């Protein structure tokens, strides 16, 4: 069962990330960004970091290829 989707994107500085939309049962649609941890200091540091985008407009739908503002 697929509960979400992700799209490769680039921010205004050319940094690549994944824009992720997950449909969580009983909670609704949630939006996340997944990007490479550029501050990895050792092997036990995470390779990627996930950013939750709270309070997205509930009426807005995300389509593949839509440009969305990255909050950093």
N, C-alpha and C. Protein backbone atom coordinates (compact mmCIF):
# COMPACT_ATOMS: atom_id res chain seq x y z
N UNK A 1 0.84 -1.18 0.00
CA UNK A 1 0.00 0.00 0.00
C UNK A 1 0.89 1.24 0.00
N UNK A 2 0.69 2.11 -0.97
CA UNK A 2 1.43 3.37 -1.05
C UNK A 2 0.70 4.41 -0.22
N UNK A 3 1.43 5.08 0.66
CA UNK A 3 0.81 6.12 1.49
C UNK A 3 1.35 7.51 1.19
N UNK A 4 2.30 7.60 0.24
CA UNK A 4 2.86 8.90 -0.08
C UNK A 4 3.68 8.88 -1.34
N UNK A 5 4.21 10.05 -1.66
CA UNK A 5 5.01 10.24 -2.87
C UNK A 5 6.12 11.24 -2.59
N UNK A 6 7.15 11.21 -3.43
CA UNK A 6 8.24 12.16 -3.31
C UNK A 6 8.71 12.63 -4.66
N UNK A 7 9.16 13.88 -4.71
CA UNK A 7 9.64 14.48 -5.94
C UNK A 7 11.02 15.07 -5.73
N UNK A 8 11.94 14.85 -6.68
CA UNK A 8 13.25 15.48 -6.64
C UNK A 8 13.08 16.95 -6.99
N UNK A 9 13.70 17.81 -6.20
CA UNK A 9 13.61 19.26 -6.42
C UNK A 9 14.95 19.90 -6.12
N UNK A 10 15.07 21.17 -6.48
CA UNK A 10 16.24 21.99 -6.14
C UNK A 10 15.75 23.29 -5.54
N UNK A 11 16.44 23.77 -4.50
CA UNK A 11 16.07 25.06 -3.93
C UNK A 11 16.69 26.18 -4.76
N UNK A 12 16.49 27.41 -4.37
CA UNK A 12 16.95 28.56 -5.15
C UNK A 12 18.48 28.64 -5.23
N UNK A 13 19.17 27.90 -4.35
CA UNK A 13 20.64 27.86 -4.39
C UNK A 13 21.17 26.64 -5.12
N UNK A 14 20.26 25.84 -5.70
CA UNK A 14 20.66 24.65 -6.45
C UNK A 14 20.83 23.40 -5.60
N UNK A 15 20.54 23.49 -4.30
CA UNK A 15 20.67 22.35 -3.39
C UNK A 15 19.52 21.38 -3.64
N UNK A 16 19.84 20.09 -3.86
CA UNK A 16 18.82 19.09 -4.13
C UNK A 16 18.18 18.58 -2.85
N UNK A 17 16.89 18.25 -2.94
CA UNK A 17 16.15 17.68 -1.82
C UNK A 17 14.97 16.90 -2.38
N UNK A 18 14.29 16.16 -1.53
CA UNK A 18 13.05 15.48 -1.90
C UNK A 18 11.89 16.17 -1.21
N UNK A 19 10.87 16.47 -1.98
CA UNK A 19 9.61 17.00 -1.44
C UNK A 19 8.69 15.81 -1.29
N UNK A 20 8.24 15.54 -0.06
CA UNK A 20 7.49 14.32 0.24
C UNK A 20 6.11 14.67 0.78
N UNK A 21 5.10 13.97 0.28
CA UNK A 21 3.73 14.10 0.75
C UNK A 21 3.30 12.72 1.25
N UNK A 22 2.82 12.65 2.49
CA UNK A 22 2.36 11.38 3.07
C UNK A 22 0.93 11.56 3.56
N UNK A 23 0.06 10.64 3.16
CA UNK A 23 -1.32 10.62 3.65
C UNK A 23 -1.39 9.71 4.86
N UNK A 24 -1.57 10.32 6.03
CA UNK A 24 -1.59 9.58 7.29
C UNK A 24 -3.04 9.34 7.68
N UNK A 25 -3.42 8.05 7.82
CA UNK A 25 -4.82 7.76 8.19
C UNK A 25 -5.23 8.52 9.45
N UNK A 26 -6.41 9.10 9.41
CA UNK A 26 -7.04 9.85 10.50
C UNK A 26 -6.39 11.21 10.78
N UNK A 27 -5.24 11.48 10.21
CA UNK A 27 -4.58 12.77 10.41
C UNK A 27 -4.57 13.62 9.14
N UNK A 28 -4.60 12.97 7.99
CA UNK A 28 -4.61 13.69 6.73
C UNK A 28 -3.25 13.76 6.08
N UNK A 29 -3.12 14.70 5.19
CA UNK A 29 -1.92 14.86 4.37
C UNK A 29 -0.88 15.69 5.13
N UNK A 30 0.36 15.18 5.14
CA UNK A 30 1.48 15.88 5.78
C UNK A 30 2.59 16.05 4.75
N UNK A 31 3.35 17.13 4.90
CA UNK A 31 4.40 17.48 3.95
C UNK A 31 5.76 17.50 4.64
N UNK A 32 6.78 16.95 3.95
CA UNK A 32 8.13 16.85 4.50
C UNK A 32 9.15 17.18 3.42
N UNK A 33 10.35 17.57 3.86
CA UNK A 33 11.49 17.72 2.99
C UNK A 33 12.57 16.78 3.51
N UNK A 34 13.25 16.10 2.60
CA UNK A 34 14.36 15.21 2.95
C UNK A 34 15.59 15.73 2.23
N UNK A 35 16.64 16.04 2.99
CA UNK A 35 17.84 16.54 2.35
C UNK A 35 19.09 15.94 2.98
N UNK A 36 20.16 15.93 2.20
CA UNK A 36 21.44 15.38 2.62
C UNK A 36 21.98 16.18 3.79
N UNK A 37 22.47 15.48 4.80
CA UNK A 37 23.08 16.13 5.96
C UNK A 37 24.49 16.58 5.57
N UNK A 38 24.64 17.85 5.27
CA UNK A 38 25.94 18.39 4.86
C UNK A 38 26.88 18.63 6.03
N UNK A 39 26.38 18.47 7.26
CA UNK A 39 27.20 18.68 8.46
C UNK A 39 27.54 17.36 9.15
N UNK A 40 27.58 16.27 8.40
CA UNK A 40 27.88 14.96 8.96
C UNK A 40 29.30 14.97 9.52
N UNK A 41 29.43 14.74 10.83
CA UNK A 41 30.73 14.86 11.47
C UNK A 41 31.43 13.51 11.70
N UNK A 42 30.66 12.40 11.71
CA UNK A 42 31.27 11.08 11.88
C UNK A 42 30.32 10.01 11.32
N UNK A 43 30.74 8.76 11.35
CA UNK A 43 29.95 7.68 10.76
C UNK A 43 28.61 7.45 11.44
N UNK A 44 28.47 7.86 12.71
CA UNK A 44 27.20 7.65 13.40
C UNK A 44 26.22 8.82 13.19
N UNK A 45 26.67 9.89 12.55
CA UNK A 45 25.77 11.01 12.24
C UNK A 45 24.81 10.60 11.13
N UNK A 46 23.59 11.14 11.12
CA UNK A 46 22.64 10.75 10.08
C UNK A 46 23.10 11.20 8.69
N UNK A 47 22.77 10.40 7.69
CA UNK A 47 23.10 10.74 6.31
C UNK A 47 22.13 11.78 5.74
N UNK A 48 20.87 11.73 6.20
CA UNK A 48 19.83 12.63 5.72
C UNK A 48 19.09 13.24 6.90
N UNK A 49 18.44 14.37 6.66
CA UNK A 49 17.60 14.99 7.67
C UNK A 49 16.22 15.23 7.08
N UNK A 50 15.19 15.09 7.93
CA UNK A 50 13.80 15.27 7.52
C UNK A 50 13.26 16.52 8.18
N UNK A 51 12.62 17.37 7.38
CA UNK A 51 12.00 18.59 7.89
C UNK A 51 10.50 18.47 7.68
N UNK A 52 9.72 18.61 8.73
CA UNK A 52 8.26 18.59 8.65
C UNK A 52 7.79 20.00 8.33
N UNK A 53 6.87 20.13 7.38
CA UNK A 53 6.31 21.42 7.01
C UNK A 53 4.90 21.49 7.61
N UNK A 54 4.75 22.04 8.83
CA UNK A 54 3.44 22.08 9.47
C UNK A 54 2.53 23.16 8.89
N UNK A 55 1.25 23.00 9.17
CA UNK A 55 0.24 24.02 8.84
C UNK A 55 0.17 24.38 7.36
N UNK A 56 0.35 23.38 6.48
CA UNK A 56 0.15 23.63 5.04
C UNK A 56 -1.32 23.89 4.80
N UNK A 57 -1.64 24.67 3.82
CA UNK A 57 -3.02 24.95 3.45
C UNK A 57 -3.71 23.64 3.09
N UNK A 58 -4.74 23.25 3.82
CA UNK A 58 -5.42 21.97 3.62
C UNK A 58 -6.08 21.85 2.26
N UNK A 59 -6.41 22.96 1.61
CA UNK A 59 -7.06 22.92 0.30
C UNK A 59 -6.08 22.76 -0.85
N UNK A 60 -4.79 22.96 -0.60
CA UNK A 60 -3.80 22.91 -1.67
C UNK A 60 -3.41 21.47 -1.94
N UNK A 61 -3.39 21.09 -3.18
CA UNK A 61 -2.91 19.76 -3.56
C UNK A 61 -1.57 19.91 -4.24
N UNK A 62 -0.70 18.94 -4.02
CA UNK A 62 0.63 18.97 -4.61
C UNK A 62 0.65 18.03 -5.80
N UNK A 63 1.11 18.55 -6.93
CA UNK A 63 1.24 17.76 -8.13
C UNK A 63 2.71 17.65 -8.48
N UNK A 64 3.08 16.57 -9.13
CA UNK A 64 4.45 16.39 -9.55
C UNK A 64 4.87 17.57 -10.42
N UNK A 65 6.01 18.17 -10.09
CA UNK A 65 6.51 19.27 -10.86
C UNK A 65 6.13 20.63 -10.34
N UNK A 66 5.24 20.72 -9.36
CA UNK A 66 4.89 22.02 -8.78
C UNK A 66 6.11 22.60 -8.09
N UNK A 67 6.31 23.89 -8.24
CA UNK A 67 7.36 24.57 -7.50
C UNK A 67 6.79 24.99 -6.17
N UNK A 68 7.49 24.67 -5.10
CA UNK A 68 7.04 25.07 -3.78
C UNK A 68 8.19 25.76 -3.08
N UNK A 69 7.87 26.66 -2.20
CA UNK A 69 8.86 27.44 -1.48
C UNK A 69 9.52 26.56 -0.42
N UNK A 70 10.85 26.54 -0.40
CA UNK A 70 11.60 25.80 0.60
C UNK A 70 11.87 26.73 1.78
N UNK A 71 11.55 26.31 3.01
CA UNK A 71 11.65 27.22 4.15
C UNK A 71 13.05 27.41 4.70
N UNK A 72 14.09 27.29 3.87
CA UNK A 72 15.45 27.57 4.33
C UNK A 72 16.29 28.07 3.19
